[in-house]
């Protein structure tokens, strides 16, 4: 899906179509992150892993979720 979105991005789009494409890409990235989290959880439950702290921008994450849900 993300590969097709990249191809679509290279075509002429109206503003509304561009907004839809942006939403589709964000949703695709969120889905990919969710799948990766599930795979990580599977690894954690199969064998203990040390926790790694990583900084992230809460505001940016919430805005992305709001834009995806609000679209």
Protein backbone atom coordinates (compact mmCIF):
# COMPACT_ATOMS: atom_id res chain seq x y z
CA UNK A 1 0.00 0.00 0.00
CA UNK A 2 2.76 2.45 0.88
CA UNK A 3 4.59 1.64 -2.35
CA UNK A 4 1.51 2.38 -4.40
CA UNK A 5 1.02 5.62 -2.47
CA UNK A 6 4.56 6.65 -3.42
CA UNK A 7 3.77 6.01 -7.07
CA UNK A 8 0.51 7.93 -6.79
CA UNK A 9 2.36 10.84 -5.19
CA UNK A 10 4.33 11.28 -8.43
CA UNK A 11 1.16 11.93 -10.45
CA UNK A 12 -0.73 15.23 -10.74
CA UNK A 13 -3.31 15.43 -7.92
CA UNK A 14 -5.92 17.93 -6.85
CA UNK A 15 -5.62 19.44 -3.39
CA UNK A 16 -8.33 17.13 -2.09
CA UNK A 17 -6.65 14.09 -3.61
CA UNK A 18 -3.33 15.17 -2.07
CA UNK A 19 -5.02 15.42 1.34
CA UNK A 20 -6.45 11.92 0.90
CA UNK A 21 -3.05 10.61 -0.15
CA UNK A 22 -1.37 12.18 2.88
CA UNK A 23 -3.97 10.60 5.16
CA UNK A 24 -3.49 7.24 3.44
CA UNK A 25 0.28 7.44 3.85
CA UNK A 26 0.02 8.38 7.52
CA UNK A 27 -2.44 5.55 8.16
CA UNK A 28 -0.13 3.13 6.34
CA UNK A 29 2.85 4.20 8.44
CA UNK A 30 0.78 3.88 11.62
CA UNK A 31 -0.31 0.38 10.57
CA UNK A 32 3.30 -0.55 9.83
CA UNK A 33 4.33 0.71 13.27
CA UNK A 34 1.52 -1.31 14.87
CA UNK A 35 2.60 -4.48 13.05
CA UNK A 36 6.20 -3.88 14.13
CA UNK A 37 5.03 -3.39 17.73
CA UNK A 38 3.12 -6.68 17.60
CA UNK A 39 6.20 -8.44 16.25
CA UNK A 40 8.32 -6.84 18.99
CA UNK A 41 5.80 -7.97 21.60
CA UNK A 42 6.02 -11.49 20.23
CA UNK A 43 9.80 -11.38 20.64
CA UNK A 44 9.49 -10.04 24.18
CA UNK A 45 7.10 -12.79 25.23
CA UNK A 46 9.33 -15.47 23.70
CA UNK A 47 12.49 -14.26 25.41
CA UNK A 48 13.19 -11.38 27.78
CA UNK A 49 14.67 -8.25 26.20
CA UNK A 50 16.18 -5.21 27.90
CA UNK A 51 13.99 -2.09 27.68
CA UNK A 52 15.37 0.81 25.67
CA UNK A 53 14.17 4.33 26.35
CA UNK A 54 13.71 6.46 23.24
CA UNK A 55 12.52 10.07 23.07
CA UNK A 56 9.45 10.92 21.02
CA UNK A 57 7.33 13.98 20.41
CA UNK A 58 3.97 13.46 22.15
CA UNK A 59 2.36 16.47 20.46
CA UNK A 60 3.38 15.34 16.98
CA UNK A 61 2.14 11.82 17.68
CA UNK A 62 -1.23 13.05 18.92
CA UNK A 63 -1.62 15.47 16.00
CA UNK A 64 -0.90 12.65 13.56
CA UNK A 65 -3.48 10.44 15.24
CA UNK A 66 -6.02 13.27 15.23
CA UNK A 67 -5.45 13.95 11.54
CA UNK A 68 -5.82 10.26 10.69
CA UNK A 69 -9.01 9.81 12.71
CA UNK A 70 -10.46 13.18 11.72
CA UNK A 71 -10.04 12.61 7.98
